[in-house]
Amino acid sequence: MGQFKQQMQHACRRALQPVARGVRSLLTPPVPPVEFGWHQIEAGPAAGAHVMLPRNTHIAEAITAGDYDKKILNLVEALVGKHDVCFDIGGHYGCYTLSLAKLASDGQVHTFEPVPAHAGRIRDAAQKSGLKHVQVHQVAMAGEVGEMTLQFAEVQGSDDSMAFLDAYGGVDTQAAHEHYRNFSRTTVQARTLDSLADDVGSVHFIKIDAEGAEAAILGAGLTLIANSKPRLLVELHGIYEALACAEILCKLNYRAILLTDQKTTLPILWAPCDDSASVNAVREVLGHEPVVMFDSLSRPDSFADAGPDV
């Protein structure tokens, strides 16, 4: 009798689930559709450039006013030369692509963005802004060449800056996993830094924000990095990713300079140990002595504050 009662309860729950979902959808306010429109950036390295952004959002206001990642972009302005070849890995809305393009006005900018909508908007923004030396590649940068599975935000209300490759698991935080529940999957082409070496030659500056794939990307770019010795602006998502990157780059005689004290993500400038100009630029922009997290003389499993010795 008890078993029959349980079976009836389960059957009733299954029958009522569609009704419950319908009631929740009626009681939950609908998420308004995201509308994109053209904005002109007013200040910062990308001033004057046109960019396609979601209307009436904080990020659109910040990018338009030149306040988005202001200190980091001020540092980029001090590090990138007029004739440089630059990579933007993880282009999103194109703020860094446009900044790099304005700075390296007689150089080249290659942007790698696997999400089709983002890649299309960056391509349109470069064209509308008259930045003909920008090339947008709709591929994912990774630790291998071939087809890979990308998870990305397609549902309204999800964070469209958090697309990640299945193989590397994304960012391991509770907030990230909440967003990932609504993500869609698609197949994308992946490239490595070393697979591009013959096409682009020497590279001077690389920005990487790849939601947990940073170490894999660097590990598959040893030849390009060793030959070009580019400055690397890498957004790290957690201490384990930092250690993995340190294991790779310290062997190539790089040091990691901390750019902010925020806790969730760490923007790090990796520069060759003999690149004193990059240290001076960080000191001038931040207004204090740079903090070195790792260098070729320190163990990757410990933090070191180089203080005035940098």
Protein backbone atom coordinates (compact mmCIF):
# COMPACT_ATOMS: atom_id res chain seq x y z
CA MET A 1 0.00 0.00 0.00
CA GLY A 2 2.89 2.35 0.90
CA GLN A 3 4.54 1.64 -2.44
CA PHE A 4 1.30 2.38 -4.32
CA LYS A 5 0.99 5.68 -2.44
CA GLN A 6 4.53 6.69 -3.43
CA GLN A 7 3.88 5.81 -7.06
CA MET A 8 0.74 7.98 -7.04
CA GLN A 9 2.66 10.88 -5.50
CA HIS A 10 5.40 10.64 -8.16
CA ALA A 11 2.76 10.48 -10.91
CA CYS A 12 0.99 13.54 -9.54
CA ARG A 13 4.26 15.48 -9.33
CA ARG A 14 5.11 14.63 -12.94
CA ALA A 15 1.64 15.65 -14.08
CA LEU A 16 1.79 18.95 -12.20
CA GLN A 17 5.32 19.94 -13.29
CA PRO A 18 4.19 21.62 -16.56
CA VAL A 19 1.53 23.51 -14.63
CA ALA A 20 4.09 24.67 -12.06
CA ARG A 21 6.46 25.82 -14.80
CA GLY A 22 3.63 27.73 -16.45
CA VAL A 23 2.71 29.45 -13.18
CA ARG A 24 6.36 30.40 -12.56
CA SER A 25 6.66 31.85 -16.05
CA LEU A 26 3.52 33.94 -15.47
CA LEU A 27 4.77 35.22 -12.13
CA THR A 28 8.33 35.92 -13.33
CA PRO A 29 8.71 39.28 -15.08
CA PRO A 30 9.91 38.74 -18.66
CA VAL A 31 13.50 39.70 -19.43
CA PRO A 32 13.39 42.51 -22.01
CA PRO A 33 15.27 41.75 -25.21
CA VAL A 34 18.78 43.16 -25.46
CA GLU A 35 19.01 45.81 -28.16
CA PHE A 36 22.38 46.79 -29.62
CA GLY A 37 23.14 50.18 -31.08
CA TRP A 38 26.07 52.29 -32.22
CA HIS A 39 28.02 54.32 -29.65
CA GLN A 40 31.03 56.58 -30.14
CA ILE A 41 33.78 56.27 -27.54
CA GLU A 42 34.47 59.67 -25.99
CA ALA A 43 37.77 59.20 -24.13
CA GLY A 44 40.70 56.86 -23.66
CA PRO A 45 42.88 55.12 -26.26
CA ALA A 46 39.86 54.26 -28.46
CA ALA A 47 38.41 57.79 -28.45
CA GLY A 48 36.52 58.53 -31.65
CA ALA A 49 35.96 54.88 -32.55
CA HIS A 50 32.45 53.52 -33.09
CA VAL A 51 31.35 50.41 -31.23
CA MET A 52 28.17 48.31 -31.16
CA LEU A 53 26.97 47.93 -27.56
CA PRO A 54 23.83 46.82 -25.69
CA ARG A 55 21.69 49.90 -25.16
CA ASN A 56 20.96 51.29 -21.69
CA THR A 57 23.52 49.15 -19.85
CA HIS A 58 26.27 50.03 -17.40
CA ILE A 59 28.96 48.49 -19.60
CA ALA A 60 27.84 50.59 -22.58
CA GLU A 61 27.99 53.73 -20.47
CA ALA A 62 31.46 52.84 -19.16
CA ILE A 63 32.92 51.99 -22.57
CA THR A 64 31.40 55.07 -24.20
CA ALA A 65 32.74 57.39 -21.48
CA GLY A 66 36.20 55.78 -21.60
CA ASP A 67 35.85 54.51 -18.02
CA TYR A 68 35.87 50.77 -18.77
CA ASP A 69 39.15 49.19 -17.51
CA LYS A 70 40.49 52.72 -17.45
CA LYS A 71 43.78 52.10 -15.62
CA ILE A 72 44.53 48.94 -17.58
CA LEU A 73 43.90 50.70 -20.89
CA ASN A 74 46.08 53.61 -19.76
CA LEU A 75 48.84 51.06 -19.25
CA VAL A 76 48.17 49.50 -22.67
CA GLU A 77 48.53 53.00 -24.14
CA ALA A 78 52.00 53.21 -22.59
CA LEU A 79 53.04 49.76 -23.81
CA VAL A 80 51.82 49.60 -27.43
CA GLY A 81 53.74 51.33 -30.20
CA LYS A 82 52.53 52.81 -33.48
CA HIS A 83 53.98 50.00 -35.63
CA ASP A 84 53.20 47.05 -33.32
CA VAL A 85 51.47 43.81 -34.24
CA CYS A 86 48.85 43.06 -31.56
CA PHE A 87 46.57 40.12 -30.73
CA ASP A 88 43.25 40.49 -28.89
CA ILE A 89 42.26 36.98 -27.77
CA GLY A 90 38.67 37.08 -26.53
CA GLY A 91 37.36 40.22 -28.23
CA HIS A 92 33.83 40.41 -26.71
CA TYR A 93 32.46 43.86 -27.67
CA GLY A 94 35.76 45.07 -29.13
CA CYS A 95 36.85 47.67 -26.57
CA TYR A 96 40.43 46.36 -26.51
CA THR A 97 40.50 45.72 -30.27
CA LEU A 98 39.56 49.33 -31.00
CA SER A 99 42.04 50.66 -28.43
CA LEU A 100 44.87 48.57 -29.86
CA ALA A 101 43.94 49.61 -33.40
CA LYS A 102 44.09 53.30 -32.51
CA LEU A 103 47.44 52.86 -30.76
CA ALA A 104 49.07 50.62 -33.38
CA SER A 105 47.85 52.83 -36.20
CA ASP A 106 50.59 51.73 -38.61
CA GLY A 107 50.71 48.15 -37.36
CA GLN A 108 48.28 45.24 -37.33
CA VAL A 109 45.58 44.05 -34.92
CA HIS A 110 44.31 40.48 -35.04
CA THR A 111 41.22 39.73 -32.95
CA PHE A 112 40.19 36.17 -32.14
CA GLU A 113 36.55 35.79 -31.10
CA PRO A 114 34.64 32.49 -31.49
CA VAL A 115 31.12 33.80 -30.72
CA PRO A 116 29.65 34.72 -34.14
CA ALA A 117 27.61 37.72 -32.95
CA HIS A 118 30.61 39.26 -31.15
CA ALA A 119 32.96 38.67 -34.09
CA GLY A 120 30.46 40.29 -36.48
CA ARG A 121 30.01 43.36 -34.30
CA ILE A 122 33.76 43.88 -33.88
CA ARG A 123 34.27 43.54 -37.64
CA ASP A 124 31.51 46.12 -38.27
CA ALA A 125 32.94 48.45 -35.62
CA ALA A 126 36.42 48.38 -37.17
CA GLN A 127 34.96 49.10 -40.59
CA LYS A 128 32.74 51.94 -39.36
CA SER A 129 35.71 53.42 -37.46
CA GLY A 130 37.95 53.31 -40.55
CA LEU A 131 40.41 50.89 -38.92
CA LYS A 132 41.39 48.86 -41.96
CA HIS A 133 44.37 47.22 -40.25
CA VAL A 134 42.08 45.15 -37.98
CA GLN A 135 41.45 41.53 -38.90
CA VAL A 136 38.75 39.63 -36.99
CA HIS A 137 39.12 35.85 -36.91
CA GLN A 138 36.01 33.91 -35.88
CA VAL A 139 37.98 31.15 -34.18
CA ALA A 140 38.79 30.10 -30.63
CA MET A 141 42.37 30.22 -29.44
CA ALA A 142 43.23 27.06 -27.55
CA GLY A 143 45.84 24.47 -26.74
CA GLU A 144 45.21 22.52 -29.95
CA VAL A 145 44.12 22.97 -33.55
CA GLY A 146 40.79 21.52 -34.69
CA GLU A 147 37.11 21.47 -33.78
CA MET A 148 36.14 22.15 -30.17
CA THR A 149 32.89 22.68 -28.26
CA LEU A 150 32.10 26.23 -27.16
CA GLN A 151 29.53 27.08 -24.49
CA PHE A 152 28.09 30.58 -24.81
CA ALA A 153 25.20 32.77 -23.68
CA GLU A 154 22.27 32.68 -26.06
CA VAL A 155 19.37 33.14 -23.60
CA GLN A 156 18.37 36.69 -22.66
CA GLY A 157 19.80 37.70 -19.28
CA SER A 158 22.89 35.47 -19.43
CA ASP A 159 26.35 37.03 -19.29
CA ASP A 160 27.60 37.09 -22.89
CA SER A 161 31.19 37.81 -21.79
CA MET A 162 31.68 34.33 -20.33
CA ALA A 163 31.81 32.00 -23.35
CA PHE A 164 34.24 29.13 -22.73
CA LEU A 165 35.63 26.00 -24.33
CA ASP A 166 34.28 22.76 -22.88
CA ALA A 167 37.74 21.22 -22.79
CA TYR A 168 38.95 23.72 -20.17
CA GLY A 169 35.84 23.90 -18.00
CA GLY A 170 35.36 27.65 -17.79
CA VAL A 171 35.69 29.57 -14.52
CA ASP A 172 35.16 27.55 -11.36
CA THR A 173 33.07 29.91 -9.23
CA GLN A 174 29.48 29.66 -8.01
CA ALA A 175 28.46 32.78 -9.93
CA ALA A 176 29.96 31.41 -13.15
CA HIS A 177 28.21 28.06 -12.81
CA GLU A 178 24.90 29.86 -12.29
CA HIS A 179 25.36 31.56 -15.66
CA TYR A 180 26.57 28.37 -17.35
CA ARG A 181 23.26 26.61 -16.64
CA ASN A 182 21.61 28.65 -19.40
CA PHE A 183 24.42 28.39 -21.94
CA SER A 184 24.11 26.85 -25.40
CA ARG A 185 26.71 24.69 -27.13
CA THR A 186 28.18 24.93 -30.60
CA THR A 187 31.19 23.61 -32.49
CA VAL A 188 33.97 26.07 -33.34
CA GLN A 189 37.33 25.96 -35.05
CA ALA A 190 40.32 26.33 -32.73
CA ARG A 191 43.82 27.60 -33.47
CA THR A 192 47.03 27.86 -31.45
CA LEU A 193 49.49 30.73 -31.20
CA ASP A 194 52.22 28.62 -32.77
CA SER A 195 49.97 27.73 -35.72
CA LEU A 196 49.82 31.48 -36.52
CA ALA A 197 53.53 32.16 -36.27
CA ASP A 198 54.24 31.79 -40.00
CA ASP A 199 51.25 33.96 -40.96
CA VAL A 200 51.91 37.00 -38.77
CA GLY A 201 55.63 36.92 -38.00
CA SER A 202 56.68 38.86 -34.92
CA VAL A 203 54.02 39.87 -32.36
CA HIS A 204 54.59 42.71 -29.89
CA PHE A 205 51.52 42.69 -27.62
CA ILE A 206 48.96 40.00 -26.76
CA LYS A 207 45.85 40.42 -24.60
CA ILE A 208 44.20 37.17 -23.45
CA ASP A 209 40.84 36.84 -21.70
CA ALA A 210 39.66 33.32 -22.45
CA GLU A 211 37.66 32.20 -19.40
CA GLY A 212 40.00 29.52 -18.10
CA ALA A 213 41.87 28.62 -21.31
CA GLU A 214 44.75 31.04 -20.71
CA ALA A 215 47.37 28.46 -19.69
CA ALA A 216 46.42 26.17 -22.57
CA ILE A 217 46.78 29.04 -25.05
CA LEU A 218 50.20 30.02 -23.68
CA GLY A 219 51.39 26.41 -23.57
CA ALA A 220 50.62 26.03 -27.28
CA GLY A 221 52.48 29.24 -28.13
CA LEU A 222 55.96 28.56 -26.78
CA THR A 223 57.71 29.06 -30.12
CA LEU A 224 55.92 32.31 -30.95
CA ILE A 225 56.47 33.70 -27.43
CA ALA A 226 60.14 32.68 -27.31
CA ASN A 227 60.84 34.22 -30.71
CA SER A 228 58.76 37.42 -30.43
CA LYS A 229 58.97 38.08 -26.66
CA PRO A 230 55.64 39.96 -26.67
CA ARG A 231 54.20 41.77 -23.70
CA LEU A 232 51.23 39.75 -22.47
CA LEU A 233 48.14 41.15 -20.72
CA VAL A 234 46.44 38.07 -19.28
CA GLU A 235 43.18 37.97 -17.31
CA LEU A 236 43.59 35.13 -14.81
CA HIS A 237 40.62 33.45 -13.15
CA GLY A 238 41.97 31.99 -9.91
CA ILE A 239 45.24 30.93 -8.34
CA TYR A 240 45.47 27.59 -10.15
CA GLU A 241 45.36 29.30 -13.53
CA ALA A 242 47.98 31.76 -12.28
CA LEU A 243 50.29 28.91 -11.23
CA ALA A 244 49.82 27.12 -14.55
CA CYS A 245 50.71 30.27 -16.50
CA ALA A 246 53.71 30.89 -14.24
CA GLU A 247 54.97 27.37 -14.86
CA ILE A 248 55.01 28.14 -18.60
CA LEU A 249 56.19 31.74 -18.72
CA CYS A 250 58.83 31.76 -15.98
CA LYS A 251 60.77 29.20 -18.04
CA LEU A 252 60.78 31.75 -20.87
CA ASN A 253 62.29 34.39 -18.55
CA TYR A 254 59.04 36.33 -17.98
CA ARG A 255 57.80 38.01 -14.84
CA ALA A 256 54.22 38.66 -13.75
CA ILE A 257 53.27 42.15 -12.59
CA LEU A 258 49.98 42.51 -10.69
CA LEU A 259 47.83 45.34 -12.05
CA THR A 260 44.93 45.47 -9.55
CA ASP A 261 44.02 44.14 -6.12
CA GLN A 262 40.62 42.74 -7.11
CA LYS A 263 39.90 39.23 -5.86
CA THR A 264 37.79 37.48 -8.50
CA THR A 265 39.99 37.96 -11.55
CA LEU A 266 43.58 39.10 -11.83
CA PRO A 267 44.76 41.19 -14.78
CA ILE A 268 48.46 40.43 -15.02
CA LEU A 269 51.13 41.96 -17.22
CA TRP A 270 53.67 39.33 -18.20
CA ALA A 271 56.82 40.95 -19.56
CA PRO A 272 60.33 39.66 -20.29
CA CYS A 273 62.57 40.14 -17.26
CA ASP A 274 64.84 42.49 -19.21
CA ASP A 275 61.91 44.73 -20.24
CA SER A 276 62.48 47.58 -17.78
CA ALA A 277 60.25 49.93 -19.80
CA SER A 278 57.17 47.85 -18.97
CA VAL A 279 57.95 48.05 -15.23
CA ASN A 280 58.41 51.81 -15.46
CA ALA A 281 55.09 52.11 -17.31
CA VAL A 282 53.26 50.14 -14.60
CA ARG A 283 54.88 52.25 -11.89
CA GLU A 284 53.81 55.49 -13.59
CA VAL A 285 50.22 54.41 -14.33
CA LEU A 286 49.50 52.78 -10.96
CA GLY A 287 51.37 55.41 -8.95
CA HIS A 288 53.22 52.93 -6.74
CA GLU A 289 55.97 50.33 -6.87
CA PRO A 290 54.89 47.31 -8.96
CA VAL A 291 54.12 44.03 -7.22
CA VAL A 292 55.74 41.05 -8.92
CA MET A 293 53.82 37.80 -8.38
CA PHE A 294 56.20 35.50 -10.25
CA ASP A 295 59.48 35.79 -12.07
CA SER A 296 62.13 33.44 -13.44
CA LEU A 297 63.91 33.39 -10.06
CA SER A 298 60.86 32.65 -7.91
CA ARG A 299 59.06 29.35 -7.51
CA PRO A 300 55.62 29.31 -9.22
CA ASP A 301 54.08 27.95 -6.01
CA SER A 302 54.72 31.11 -4.00
CA PHE A 303 53.99 34.81 -4.35
CA ALA A 304 56.82 37.30 -4.22
CA ASP A 305 56.65 41.05 -3.81
CA ALA A 306 59.68 42.40 -5.63
CA GLY A 307 59.23 45.90 -4.20
CA PRO A 308 61.99 48.30 -5.19
CA ASP A 309 64.14 45.53 -6.70
CA VAL A 310 62.03 45.35 -9.85
